[in-house]
Amino acid sequence: MEKLFSNQYVNISLYGTTHKTIELHWLDFVPSADFRAGMLELLRLARLHRVQAWVADNRLIRALRPVDLAWAGTEVIVPMSEGGVRRLAIVESKDAINRMGVNAMLTTTLPNTKL
C-alpha cells in the first residue's frame, strides 16, 4: 500500500495488486467544498495511476448534501468508469442518512457506467 494523499478529512491509498486499486478512506464529517476537493483528487490520482478498482471506505463520513452526492455521481463516478475503473466496493457509513443518500445516488448513477 502506498499513501498518495492525506488531509484532515480523507486518506487516499494505492494497492499495486493484480488490479490496481485505489482506496478512499473518509475520516469524519467533511464540508461540501472539502468533499468535492477530495473526490477530484481521487479522480486525478485514479487517472494518473490507471487504476482498475476502487474501494470507498465511508464508515466515518456523515451526512452529505444531496447536491454533493449527485455531483459526485456525474463528476467523479462516471469519469472513473470512463477511465477504466471496473470494480467498486463500498464500505457503508455508520450514519443512516449517509447510507440512504449514497444508495440513492448509486441507484441512479451506476446504470450509466461500466462498474
PDB file of N, CA and C in Angstrom:
ATOM      1  N   MET A   1       0.839  -1.174   0.000  1.00  0.00           N
ATOM      2  CA  MET A   1       0.000   0.000   0.000  1.00  0.00           C
ATOM      3  C   MET A   1       0.886   1.241   0.000  1.00  0.00           C
ATOM      4  N   GLU A   2       0.502   2.190  -0.831  1.00  0.00           N
ATOM      5  CA  GLU A   2       1.219   3.466  -0.914  1.00  0.00           C
ATOM      6  C   GLU A   2       0.219   4.590  -0.670  1.00  0.00           C
ATOM      7  N   LYS A   3       0.461   5.397   0.362  1.00  0.00           N
ATOM      8  CA  LYS A   3      -0.426   6.532   0.619  1.00  0.00           C
ATOM      9  C   LYS A   3      -0.109   7.622  -0.395  1.00  0.00           C
ATOM     10  N   LEU A   4      -1.127   8.014  -1.159  1.00  0.00           N
ATOM     11  CA  LEU A   4      -0.951   9.008  -2.210  1.00  0.00           C
ATOM     12  C   LEU A   4      -1.335  10.411  -1.768  1.00  0.00           C
ATOM     13  N   PHE A   5      -2.292  10.491  -0.847  1.00  0.00           N
ATOM     14  CA  PHE A   5      -2.818  11.795  -0.434  1.00  0.00           C
ATOM     15  C   PHE A   5      -3.440  11.656   0.943  1.00  0.00           C
ATOM     16  N   SER A   6      -3.304  12.700   1.745  1.00  0.00           N
ATOM     17  CA  SER A   6      -3.918  12.682   3.070  1.00  0.00           C
ATOM     18  C   SER A   6      -4.168  14.111   3.530  1.00  0.00           C
ATOM     19  N   ASN A   7      -5.326  14.323   4.144  1.00  0.00           N
ATOM     20  CA  ASN A   7      -5.591  15.577   4.839  1.00  0.00           C
ATOM     21  C   ASN A   7      -6.480  15.264   6.039  1.00  0.00           C
ATOM     22  N   GLN A   8      -7.046  16.258   6.666  1.00  0.00           N
ATOM     23  CA  GLN A   8      -7.822  16.012   7.886  1.00  0.00           C
ATOM     24  C   GLN A   8      -9.127  15.275   7.632  1.00  0.00           C
ATOM     25  N   TYR A   9      -9.552  15.167   6.363  1.00  0.00           N
ATOM     26  CA  TYR A   9     -10.834  14.542   6.048  1.00  0.00           C
ATOM     27  C   TYR A   9     -10.724  13.184   5.370  1.00  0.00           C
ATOM     28  N   VAL A  10      -9.622  12.945   4.660  1.00  0.00           N
ATOM     29  CA  VAL A  10      -9.566  11.765   3.803  1.00  0.00           C
ATOM     30  C   VAL A  10      -8.135  11.266   3.630  1.00  0.00           C
ATOM     31  N   ASN A  11      -8.002   9.958   3.475  1.00  0.00           N
ATOM     32  CA  ASN A  11      -6.749   9.327   3.049  1.00  0.00           C
ATOM     33  C   ASN A  11      -7.029   8.629   1.728  1.00  0.00           C
ATOM     34  N   ILE A  12      -6.098   8.738   0.796  1.00  0.00           N
ATOM     35  CA  ILE A  12      -6.212   8.044  -0.484  1.00  0.00           C
ATOM     36  C   ILE A  12      -4.953   7.205  -0.656  1.00  0.00           C
ATOM     37  N   SER A  13      -5.143   5.897  -0.857  1.00  0.00           N
ATOM     38  CA  SER A  13      -4.020   4.957  -0.961  1.00  0.00           C
ATOM     39  C   SER A  13      -4.140   4.138  -2.234  1.00  0.00           C
ATOM     40  N   LEU A  14      -2.999   3.620  -2.675  1.00  0.00           N
ATOM     41  CA  LEU A  14      -2.937   2.783  -3.870  1.00  0.00           C
ATOM     42  C   LEU A  14      -2.413   1.412  -3.486  1.00  0.00           C
ATOM     43  N   TYR A  15      -3.073   0.381  -3.991  1.00  0.00           N
ATOM     44  CA  TYR A  15      -2.646  -1.002  -3.808  1.00  0.00           C
ATOM     45  C   TYR A  15      -2.233  -1.533  -5.170  1.00  0.00           C
ATOM     46  N   GLY A  16      -0.991  -1.981  -5.290  1.00  0.00           N
ATOM     47  CA  GLY A  16      -0.472  -2.481  -6.557  1.00  0.00           C
ATOM     48  C   GLY A  16      -0.700  -3.964  -6.728  1.00  0.00           C
ATOM     49  N   THR A  17      -1.927  -4.393  -6.612  1.00  0.00           N
ATOM     50  CA  THR A  17      -2.272  -5.808  -6.757  1.00  0.00           C
ATOM     51  C   THR A  17      -2.497  -6.135  -8.224  1.00  0.00           C
ATOM     52  N   THR A  18      -3.041  -7.300  -8.502  1.00  0.00           N
ATOM     53  CA  THR A  18      -3.343  -7.689  -9.883  1.00  0.00           C
ATOM     54  C   THR A  18      -4.169  -6.618 -10.576  1.00  0.00           C
ATOM     55  N   HIS A  19      -5.150  -6.101  -9.869  1.00  0.00           N
ATOM     56  CA  HIS A  19      -5.956  -4.987 -10.374  1.00  0.00           C
ATOM     57  C   HIS A  19      -5.592  -3.779  -9.529  1.00  0.00           C
ATOM     58  N   LYS A  20      -4.882  -2.816 -10.123  1.00  0.00           N
ATOM     59  CA  LYS A  20      -4.513  -1.625  -9.353  1.00  0.00           C
ATOM     60  C   LYS A  20      -5.761  -1.066  -8.693  1.00  0.00           C
ATOM     61  N   THR A  21      -5.676  -0.896  -7.382  1.00  0.00           N
ATOM     62  CA  THR A  21      -6.838  -0.483  -6.600  1.00  0.00           C
ATOM     63  C   THR A  21      -6.534   0.790  -5.831  1.00  0.00           C
ATOM     64  N   ILE A  22      -7.452   1.736  -5.909  1.00  0.00           N
ATOM     65  CA  ILE A  22      -7.334   2.967  -5.137  1.00  0.00           C
ATOM     66  C   ILE A  22      -8.359   2.907  -4.007  1.00  0.00           C
ATOM     67  N   GLU A  23      -7.928   3.323  -2.813  1.00  0.00           N
ATOM     68  CA  GLU A  23      -8.824   3.328  -1.660  1.00  0.00           C
ATOM     69  C   GLU A  23      -9.022   4.756  -1.175  1.00  0.00           C
ATOM     70  N   LEU A  24     -10.266   5.111  -1.005  1.00  0.00           N
ATOM     71  CA  LEU A  24     -10.670   6.405  -0.474  1.00  0.00           C
ATOM     72  C   LEU A  24     -11.222   6.151   0.919  1.00  0.00           C
ATOM     73  N   HIS A  25     -10.586   6.698   1.946  1.00  0.00           N
ATOM     74  CA  HIS A  25     -10.998   6.453   3.333  1.00  0.00           C
ATOM     75  C   HIS A  25     -11.340   7.783   3.988  1.00  0.00           C
ATOM     76  N   TRP A  26     -12.642   8.027   4.140  1.00  0.00           N
ATOM     77  CA  TRP A  26     -13.097   9.248   4.800  1.00  0.00           C
ATOM     78  C   TRP A  26     -12.895   9.112   6.297  1.00  0.00           C
ATOM     79  N   LEU A  27     -12.500  10.210   6.962  1.00  0.00           N
ATOM     80  CA  LEU A  27     -12.125  10.171   8.366  1.00  0.00           C
ATOM     81  C   LEU A  27     -13.168  10.753   9.313  1.00  0.00           C
ATOM     82  N   ASP A  28     -14.101  11.557   8.802  1.00  0.00           N
ATOM     83  CA  ASP A  28     -15.083  12.209   9.673  1.00  0.00           C
ATOM     84  C   ASP A  28     -16.041  13.001   8.793  1.00  0.00           C
ATOM     85  N   PHE A  29     -16.859  13.835   9.424  1.00  0.00           N
ATOM     86  CA  PHE A  29     -17.705  14.765   8.681  1.00  0.00           C
ATOM     87  C   PHE A  29     -16.810  15.616   7.791  1.00  0.00           C
ATOM     88  N   VAL A  30     -17.278  15.903   6.587  1.00  0.00           N
ATOM     89  CA  VAL A  30     -16.492  16.710   5.664  1.00  0.00           C
ATOM     90  C   VAL A  30     -17.391  17.796   5.065  1.00  0.00           C
ATOM     91  N   PRO A  31     -16.953  19.056   5.110  1.00  0.00           N
ATOM     92  CA  PRO A  31     -17.718  20.135   4.481  1.00  0.00           C
ATOM     93  C   PRO A  31     -17.782  19.939   2.962  1.00  0.00           C
ATOM     94  N   SER A  32     -18.773  20.536   2.355  1.00  0.00           N
ATOM     95  CA  SER A  32     -19.030  20.368   0.926  1.00  0.00           C
ATOM     96  C   SER A  32     -17.798  20.632   0.057  1.00  0.00           C
ATOM     97  N   ALA A  33     -17.152  21.758   0.238  1.00  0.00           N
ATOM     98  CA  ALA A  33     -16.000  22.111  -0.605  1.00  0.00           C
ATOM     99  C   ALA A  33     -14.869  21.103  -0.445  1.00  0.00           C
ATOM    100  N   ASP A  34     -14.658  20.630   0.763  1.00  0.00           N
ATOM    101  CA  ASP A  34     -13.593  19.660   1.009  1.00  0.00           C
ATOM    102  C   ASP A  34     -13.966  18.277   0.484  1.00  0.00           C
ATOM    103  N   PHE A  35     -15.247  17.933   0.531  1.00  0.00           N
ATOM    104  CA  PHE A  35     -15.711  16.676  -0.066  1.00  0.00           C
ATOM    105  C   PHE A  35     -15.421  16.683  -1.563  1.00  0.00           C
ATOM    106  N   ARG A  36     -15.807  17.752  -2.215  1.00  0.00           N
ATOM    107  CA  ARG A  36     -15.591  17.844  -3.666  1.00  0.00           C
ATOM    108  C   ARG A  36     -14.102  17.851  -4.008  1.00  0.00           C
ATOM    109  N   ALA A  37     -13.306  18.570  -3.238  1.00  0.00           N
ATOM    110  CA  ALA A  37     -11.859  18.593  -3.480  1.00  0.00           C
ATOM    111  C   ALA A  37     -11.261  17.201  -3.301  1.00  0.00           C
ATOM    112  N   GLY A  38     -11.682  16.476  -2.277  1.00  0.00           N
ATOM    113  CA  GLY A  38     -11.192  15.115  -2.055  1.00  0.00           C
ATOM    114  C   GLY A  38     -11.584  14.174  -3.180  1.00  0.00           C
ATOM    115  N   MET A  39     -12.812  14.312  -3.656  1.00  0.00           N
ATOM    116  CA  MET A  39     -13.271  13.459  -4.756  1.00  0.00           C
ATOM    117  C   MET A  39     -12.525  13.777  -6.056  1.00  0.00           C
ATOM    118  N   LEU A  40     -12.258  15.054  -6.304  1.00  0.00           N
ATOM    119  CA  LEU A  40     -11.499  15.416  -7.507  1.00  0.00           C
ATOM    120  C   LEU A  40     -10.058  14.929  -7.423  1.00  0.00           C
ATOM    121  N   GLU A  41      -9.486  14.953  -6.227  1.00  0.00           N
ATOM    122  CA  GLU A  41      -8.129  14.414  -6.050  1.00  0.00           C
ATOM    123  C   GLU A  41      -8.132  12.908  -6.293  1.00  0.00           C
ATOM    124  N   LEU A  42      -9.156  12.226  -5.815  1.00  0.00           N
ATOM    125  CA  LEU A  42      -9.308  10.796  -6.090  1.00  0.00           C
ATOM    126  C   LEU A  42      -9.333  10.540  -7.595  1.00  0.00           C
ATOM    127  N   LEU A  43     -10.135  11.291  -8.320  1.00  0.00           N
ATOM    128  CA  LEU A  43     -10.243  11.121  -9.769  1.00  0.00           C
ATOM    129  C   LEU A  43      -8.899  11.380 -10.447  1.00  0.00           C
ATOM    130  N   ARG A  44      -8.214  12.434 -10.040  1.00  0.00           N
ATOM    131  CA  ARG A  44      -6.907  12.753 -10.631  1.00  0.00           C
ATOM    132  C   ARG A  44      -5.914  11.614 -10.405  1.00  0.00           C
ATOM    133  N   LEU A  45      -5.859  11.108  -9.180  1.00  0.00           N
ATOM    134  CA  LEU A  45      -4.919  10.033  -8.857  1.00  0.00           C
ATOM    135  C   LEU A  45      -5.299   8.723  -9.545  1.00  0.00           C
ATOM    136  N   ALA A  46      -6.577   8.458  -9.655  1.00  0.00           N
ATOM    137  CA  ALA A  46      -7.023   7.242 -10.348  1.00  0.00           C
ATOM    138  C   ALA A  46      -6.595   7.279 -11.809  1.00  0.00           C
ATOM    139  N   ARG A  47      -6.729   8.426 -12.435  1.00  0.00           N
ATOM    140  CA  ARG A  47      -6.299   8.565 -13.836  1.00  0.00           C
ATOM    141  C   ARG A  47      -4.781   8.433 -13.951  1.00  0.00           C
ATOM    142  N   LEU A  48      -4.068   9.101 -13.064  1.00  0.00           N
ATOM    143  CA  LEU A  48      -2.607   9.078 -13.091  1.00  0.00           C
ATOM    144  C   LEU A  48      -2.066   7.661 -12.965  1.00  0.00           C
ATOM    145  N   HIS A  49      -2.649   6.881 -12.077  1.00  0.00           N
ATOM    146  CA  HIS A  49      -2.158   5.525 -11.801  1.00  0.00           C
ATOM    147  C   HIS A  49      -2.908   4.436 -12.575  1.00  0.00           C
ATOM    148  N   ARG A  50      -3.845   4.848 -13.405  1.00  0.00           N
ATOM    149  CA  ARG A  50      -4.613   3.916 -14.253  1.00  0.00           C
ATOM    150  C   ARG A  50      -5.197   2.762 -13.437  1.00  0.00           C
ATOM    151  N   VAL A  51      -5.921   3.126 -12.400  1.00  0.00           N
ATOM    152  CA  VAL A  51      -6.491   2.104 -11.528  1.00  0.00           C
ATOM    153  C   VAL A  51      -7.665   1.396 -12.198  1.00  0.00           C
ATOM    154  N   GLN A  52      -7.898   0.173 -11.750  1.00  0.00           N
ATOM    155  CA  GLN A  52      -8.979  -0.648 -12.285  1.00  0.00           C
ATOM    156  C   GLN A  52     -10.048  -0.930 -11.244  1.00  0.00           C
ATOM    157  N   ALA A  53      -9.730  -0.667  -9.979  1.00  0.00           N
ATOM    158  CA  ALA A  53     -10.676  -0.945  -8.904  1.00  0.00           C
ATOM    159  C   ALA A  53     -10.626   0.188  -7.880  1.00  0.00           C
ATOM    160  N   TRP A  54     -11.759   0.358  -7.190  1.00  0.00           N
ATOM    161  CA  TRP A  54     -11.897   1.451  -6.232  1.00  0.00           C
ATOM    162  C   TRP A  54     -12.623   0.931  -5.001  1.00  0.00           C
ATOM    163  N   VAL A  55     -12.025   1.190  -3.842  1.00  0.00           N
ATOM    164  CA  VAL A  55     -12.659   0.874  -2.562  1.00  0.00           C
ATOM    165  C   VAL A  55     -12.946   2.206  -1.871  1.00  0.00           C
ATOM    166  N   ALA A  56     -14.210   2.414  -1.516  1.00  0.00           N
ATOM    167  CA  ALA A  56     -14.611   3.622  -0.796  1.00  0.00           C
ATOM    168  C   ALA A  56     -14.991   3.225   0.624  1.00  0.00           C
ATOM    169  N   ASP A  57     -14.196   3.647   1.584  1.00  0.00           N
ATOM    170  CA  ASP A  57     -14.472   3.358   2.992  1.00  0.00           C
ATOM    171  C   ASP A  57     -15.197   4.566   3.579  1.00  0.00           C
ATOM    172  N   ASN A  58     -16.513   4.439   3.671  1.00  0.00           N
ATOM    173  CA  ASN A  58     -17.358   5.543   4.123  1.00  0.00           C
ATOM    174  C   ASN A  58     -17.784   5.415   5.583  1.00  0.00           C
ATOM    175  N   ARG A  59     -17.194   4.499   6.327  1.00  0.00           N
ATOM    176  CA  ARG A  59     -17.674   4.230   7.690  1.00  0.00           C
ATOM    177  C   ARG A  59     -17.774   5.470   8.560  1.00  0.00           C
ATOM    178  N   LEU A  60     -16.826   6.387   8.445  1.00  0.00           N
ATOM    179  CA  LEU A  60     -16.766   7.515   9.372  1.00  0.00           C
ATOM    180  C   LEU A  60     -17.346   8.809   8.822  1.00  0.00           C
ATOM    181  N   ILE A  61     -17.662   8.841   7.537  1.00  0.00           N
ATOM    182  CA  ILE A  61     -18.246  10.056   6.966  1.00  0.00           C
ATOM    183  C   ILE A  61     -19.694  10.158   7.437  1.00  0.00           C
ATOM    184  N   ARG A  62     -20.163  11.380   7.549  1.00  0.00           N
ATOM    185  CA  ARG A  62     -21.549  11.573   7.987  1.00  0.00           C
ATOM    186  C   ARG A  62     -22.378  12.099   6.830  1.00  0.00           C
ATOM    187  N   ALA A  63     -23.545  12.598   7.129  1.00  0.00           N
ATOM    188  CA  ALA A  63     -24.491  13.021   6.091  1.00  0.00           C
ATOM    189  C   ALA A  63     -23.851  14.022   5.128  1.00  0.00           C
ATOM    190  N   LEU A  64     -24.154  13.829   3.853  1.00  0.00           N
ATOM    191  CA  LEU A  64     -23.730  14.743   2.799  1.00  0.00           C
ATOM    192  C   LEU A  64     -24.974  15.331   2.145  1.00  0.00           C
ATOM    193  N   ARG A  65     -24.835  16.525   1.607  1.00  0.00           N
ATOM    194  CA  ARG A  65     -25.962  17.151   0.920  1.00  0.00           C
ATOM    195  C   ARG A  65     -26.285  16.368  -0.347  1.00  0.00           C
ATOM    196  N   PRO A  66     -27.565  16.206  -0.673  1.00  0.00           N
ATOM    197  CA  PRO A  66     -27.934  15.503  -1.907  1.00  0.00           C
ATOM    198  C   PRO A  66     -27.275  16.099  -3.148  1.00  0.00           C
ATOM    199  N   VAL A  67     -27.107  17.422  -3.179  1.00  0.00           N
ATOM    200  CA  VAL A  67     -26.482  18.057  -4.336  1.00  0.00           C
ATOM    201  C   VAL A  67     -25.019  17.622  -4.469  1.00  0.00           C
ATOM    202  N   ASP A  68     -24.328  17.403  -3.352  1.00  0.00           N
ATOM    203  CA  ASP A  68     -22.940  16.936  -3.404  1.00  0.00           C
ATOM    204  C   ASP A  68     -22.867  15.480  -3.857  1.00  0.00           C
ATOM    205  N   LEU A  69     -23.813  14.677  -3.415  1.00  0.00           N
ATOM    206  CA  LEU A  69     -23.839  13.279  -3.860  1.00  0.00           C
ATOM    207  C   LEU A  69     -24.136  13.192  -5.353  1.00  0.00           C
ATOM    208  N   ALA A  70     -25.095  13.983  -5.831  1.00  0.00           N
ATOM    209  CA  ALA A  70     -25.408  13.988  -7.267  1.00  0.00           C
ATOM    210  C   ALA A  70     -24.194  14.449  -8.064  1.00  0.00           C
ATOM    211  N   TRP A  71     -23.513  15.472  -7.567  1.00  0.00           N
ATOM    212  CA  TRP A  71     -22.295  15.961  -8.219  1.00  0.00           C
ATOM    213  C   TRP A  71     -21.253  14.844  -8.295  1.00  0.00           C
ATOM    214  N   ALA A  72     -21.056  14.121  -7.201  1.00  0.00           N
ATOM    215  CA  ALA A  72     -20.068  13.032  -7.180  1.00  0.00           C
ATOM    216  C   ALA A  72     -20.410  11.970  -8.215  1.00  0.00           C
ATOM    217  N   GLY A  73     -21.693  11.695  -8.383  1.00  0.00           N
ATOM    218  CA  GLY A  73     -22.096  10.704  -9.376  1.00  0.00           C
ATOM    219  C   GLY A  73     -21.699  11.105 -10.785  1.00  0.00           C
ATOM    220  N   THR A  74     -22.026  12.332 -11.172  1.00  0.00           N
ATOM    221  CA  THR A  74     -21.756  12.755 -12.547  1.00  0.00           C
ATOM    222  C   THR A  74     -20.318  13.196 -12.776  1.00  0.00           C
ATOM    223  N   GLU A  75     -19.702  13.811 -11.780  1.00  0.00           N
ATOM    224  CA  GLU A  75     -18.370  14.395 -11.973  1.00  0.00           C
ATOM    225  C   GLU A  75     -17.216  13.488 -11.555  1.00  0.00           C
ATOM    226  N   VAL A  76     -17.499  12.408 -10.829  1.00  0.00           N
ATOM    227  CA  VAL A  76     -16.420  11.524 -10.383  1.00  0.00           C
ATOM    228  C   VAL A  76     -16.698  10.063 -10.744  1.00  0.00           C
ATOM    229  N   ILE A  77     -17.851   9.541 -10.379  1.00  0.00           N
ATOM    230  CA  ILE A  77     -18.106   8.114 -10.615  1.00  0.00           C
ATOM    231  C   ILE A  77     -18.162   7.795 -12.104  1.00  0.00           C
ATOM    232  N   VAL A  78     -18.902   8.572 -12.866  1.00  0.00           N
ATOM    233  CA  VAL A  78     -18.969   8.318 -14.315  1.00  0.00           C
ATOM    234  C   VAL A  78     -17.589   8.470 -14.958  1.00  0.00           C
ATOM    235  N   PRO A  79     -16.833   9.545 -14.685  1.00  0.00           N
ATOM    236  CA  PRO A  79     -15.485   9.635 -15.251  1.00  0.00           C
ATOM    237  C   PRO A  79     -14.540   8.520 -14.786  1.00  0.00           C
ATOM    238  N   MET A  80     -14.696   8.042 -13.559  1.00  0.00           N
ATOM    239  CA  MET A  80     -13.863   6.913 -13.103  1.00  0.00           C
ATOM    240  C   MET A  80     -14.138   5.702 -13.985  1.00  0.00           C
ATOM    241  N   SER A  81     -15.394   5.443 -14.275  1.00  0.00           N
ATOM    242  CA  SER A  81     -15.758   4.320 -15.137  1.00  0.00           C
ATOM    243  C   SER A  81     -15.213   4.524 -16.549  1.00  0.00           C
ATOM    244  N   GLU A  82     -15.361   5.719 -17.068  1.00  0.00           N
ATOM    245  CA  GLU A  82     -14.854   6.017 -18.412  1.00  0.00           C
ATOM    246  C   GLU A  82     -13.336   5.890 -18.474  1.00  0.00           C
ATOM    247  N   GLY A  83     -12.662   6.070 -17.333  1.00  0.00           N
ATOM    248  CA  GLY A  83     -11.209   5.975 -17.269  1.00  0.00           C
ATOM    249  C   GLY A  83     -10.673   4.576 -17.046  1.00  0.00           C
ATOM    250  N   GLY A  84     -11.549   3.590 -16.949  1.00  0.00           N
ATOM    251  CA  GLY A  84     -11.083   2.214 -16.841  1.00  0.00           C
ATOM    252  C   GLY A  84     -11.374   1.497 -15.538  1.00  0.00           C
ATOM    253  N   VAL A  85     -11.952   2.182 -14.556  1.00  0.00           N
ATOM    254  CA  VAL A  85     -12.309   1.505 -13.305  1.00  0.00           C
ATOM    255  C   VAL A  85     -13.500   0.590 -13.585  1.00  0.00           C
ATOM    256  N   ARG A  86     -13.362  -0.671 -13.206  1.00  0.00           N
ATOM    257  CA  ARG A  86     -14.408  -1.658 -13.484  1.00  0.00           C
ATOM    258  C   ARG A  86     -14.971  -2.301 -12.224  1.00  0.00           C
ATOM    259  N   ARG A  87     -14.330  -2.057 -11.092  1.00  0.00           N
ATOM    260  CA  ARG A  87     -14.787  -2.651  -9.835  1.00  0.00           C
ATOM    261  C   ARG A  87     -14.904  -1.558  -8.785  1.00  0.00           C
ATOM    262  N   LEU A  88     -15.989  -1.622  -8.037  1.00  0.00           N
ATOM    263  CA  LEU A  88     -16.230  -0.661  -6.971  1.00  0.00           C
ATOM    264  C   LEU A  88     -16.759  -1.406  -5.758  1.00  0.00           C
ATOM    265  N   ALA A  89     -16.112  -1.199  -4.622  1.00  0.00           N
ATOM    266  CA  ALA A  89     -16.589  -1.754  -3.351  1.00  0.00           C
ATOM    267  C   ALA A  89     -16.761  -0.593  -2.385  1.00  0.00           C
ATOM    268  N   ILE A  90     -17.896  -0.590  -1.695  1.00  0.00           N
ATOM    269  CA  ILE A  90     -18.183   0.494  -0.761  1.00  0.00           C
ATOM    270  C   ILE A  90     -18.446  -0.087   0.616  1.00  0.00           C
ATOM    271  N   VAL A  91     -17.693   0.407   1.593  1.00  0.00           N
ATOM    272  CA  VAL A  91     -17.960   0.086   2.990  1.00  0.00           C
ATOM    273  C   VAL A  91     -18.896   1.191   3.472  1.00  0.00           C
ATOM    274  N   GLU A  92     -20.118   0.814   3.836  1.00  0.00           N
ATOM    275  CA  GLU A  92     -21.143   1.799   4.151  1.00  0.00           C
ATOM    276  C   GLU A  92     -20.849   2.584   5.425  1.00  0.00           C
ATOM    277  N   SER A  93     -21.369   3.801   5.445  1.00  0.00           N
ATOM    278  CA  SER A  93     -21.250   4.686   6.597  1.00  0.00           C
ATOM    279  C   SER A  93     -22.042   4.153   7.784  1.00  0.00           C
ATOM    280  N   LYS A  94     -21.576   4.508   8.969  1.00  0.00           N
ATOM    281  CA  LYS A  94     -22.337   4.223  10.189  1.00  0.00           C
ATOM    282  C   LYS A  94     -23.554   5.141  10.281  1.00  0.00           C
ATOM    283  N   ASP A  95     -23.529   6.234   9.526  1.00  0.00           N
ATOM    284  CA  ASP A  95     -24.589   7.233   9.533  1.00  0.00           C
ATOM    285  C   ASP A  95     -25.713   6.809   8.583  1.00  0.00           C
ATOM    286  N   ALA A  96     -26.908   6.610   9.114  1.00  0.00           N
ATOM    287  CA  ALA A  96     -28.034   6.121   8.313  1.00  0.00           C
ATOM    288  C   ALA A  96     -28.409   7.080   7.189  1.00  0.00           C
ATOM    289  N   ILE A  97     -28.354   8.374   7.438  1.00  0.00           N
ATOM    290  CA  ILE A  97     -28.712   9.341   6.399  1.00  0.00           C
ATOM    291  C   ILE A  97     -27.706   9.278   5.257  1.00  0.00           C
ATOM    292  N   ASN A  98     -26.429   9.140   5.580  1.00  0.00           N
ATOM    293  CA  ASN A  98     -25.420   8.991   4.538  1.00  0.00           C
ATOM    294  C   ASN A  98     -25.670   7.728   3.725  1.00  0.00           C
ATOM    295  N   ARG A  99     -25.947   6.626   4.389  1.00  0.00           N
ATOM    296  CA  ARG A  99     -26.198   5.363   3.678  1.00  0.00           C
ATOM    297  C   ARG A  99     -27.355   5.510   2.696  1.00  0.00           C
ATOM    298  N   MET A 100     -28.442   6.126   3.136  1.00  0.00           N
ATOM    299  CA  MET A 100     -29.603   6.302   2.255  1.00  0.00           C
ATOM    300  C   MET A 100     -29.255   7.179   1.058  1.00  0.00           C
ATOM    301  N   GLY A 101     -28.547   8.273   1.305  1.00  0.00           N
ATOM    302  CA  GLY A 101     -28.182   9.177   0.216  1.00  0.00           C
ATOM    303  C   GLY A 101     -27.244   8.539  -0.787  1.00  0.00           C
ATOM    304  N   VAL A 102     -26.223   7.849  -0.298  1.00  0.00           N
ATOM    305  CA  VAL A 102     -25.266   7.184  -1.191  1.00  0.00           C
ATOM    306  C   VAL A 102     -25.966   6.093  -1.993  1.00  0.00           C
ATOM    307  N   ASN A 103     -26.797   5.301  -1.338  1.00  0.00           N
ATOM    308  CA  ASN A 103     -27.505   4.232  -2.053  1.00  0.00           C
ATOM    309  C   ASN A 103     -28.422   4.788  -3.133  1.00  0.00           C
ATOM    310  N   ALA A 104     -29.115   5.884  -2.846  1.00  0.00           N
ATOM    311  CA  ALA A 104     -29.986   6.509  -3.851  1.00  0.00           C
ATOM    312  C   ALA A 104     -29.166   7.028  -5.030  1.00  0.00           C
ATOM    313  N   MET A 105     -28.037   7.678  -4.741  1.00  0.00           N
ATOM    314  CA  MET A 105     -27.186   8.202  -5.813  1.00  0.00           C
ATOM    315  C   MET A 105     -26.639   7.067  -6.666  1.00  0.00           C
ATOM    316  N   LEU A 106     -26.194   5.982  -6.040  1.00  0.00           N
ATOM    317  CA  LEU A 106     -25.643   4.853  -6.794  1.00  0.00           C
ATOM    318  C   LEU A 106     -26.708   4.187  -7.658  1.00  0.00           C
ATOM    319  N   THR A 107     -27.923   4.098  -7.160  1.00  0.00           N
ATOM    320  CA  THR A 107     -29.017   3.512  -7.934  1.00  0.00           C
ATOM    321  C   THR A 107     -29.258   4.304  -9.211  1.00  0.00           C
ATOM    322  N   THR A 108     -29.089   5.606  -9.137  1.00  0.00           N
ATOM    323  CA  THR A 108     -29.263   6.470 -10.304  1.00  0.00           C
ATOM    324  C   THR A 108     -28.038   6.462 -11.214  1.00  0.00           C
ATOM    325  N   THR A 109     -26.848   6.453 -10.629  1.00  0.00           N
ATOM    326  CA  THR A 109     -25.605   6.644 -11.382  1.00  0.00           C
ATOM    327  C   THR A 109     -25.053   5.372 -12.009  1.00  0.00           C
ATOM    328  N   LEU A 110     -25.008   4.283 -11.269  1.00  0.00           N
ATOM    329  CA  LEU A 110     -24.318   3.074 -11.739  1.00  0.00           C
ATOM    330  C   LEU A 110     -24.842   2.504 -13.057  1.00  0.00           C
ATOM    331  N   PRO A 111     -26.141   2.572 -13.353  1.00  0.00           N
ATOM    332  CA  PRO A 111     -26.581   2.053 -14.656  1.00  0.00           C
ATOM    333  C   PRO A 111     -25.947   2.771 -15.851  1.00  0.00           C
ATOM    334  N   ASN A 112     -25.405   3.965 -15.630  1.00  0.00           N
ATOM    335  CA  ASN A 112     -24.769   4.731 -16.705  1.00  0.00           C
ATOM    336  C   ASN A 112     -23.258   4.525 -16.757  1.00  0.00           C
ATOM    337  N   THR A 113     -22.766   3.485 -16.081  1.00  0.00           N
ATOM    338  CA  THR A 113     -21.327   3.231 -16.023  1.00  0.00           C
ATOM    339  C   THR A 113     -21.022   1.786 -16.397  1.00  0.00           C
ATOM    340  N   LYS A 114     -19.744   1.460 -16.417  1.00  0.00           N
ATOM    341  CA  LYS A 114     -19.293   0.083 -16.646  1.00  0.00           C
ATOM    342  C   LYS A 114     -18.886  -0.581 -15.340  1.00  0.00           C
ATOM    343  N   LEU A 115     -19.260   0.022 -14.227  1.00  0.00           N
ATOM    344  CA  LEU A 115     -18.939  -0.541 -12.915  1.00  0.00           C
ATOM    345  C   LEU A 115     -19.892  -1.672 -12.593  1.00  0.00           C
TER     346      LEU A 115
END
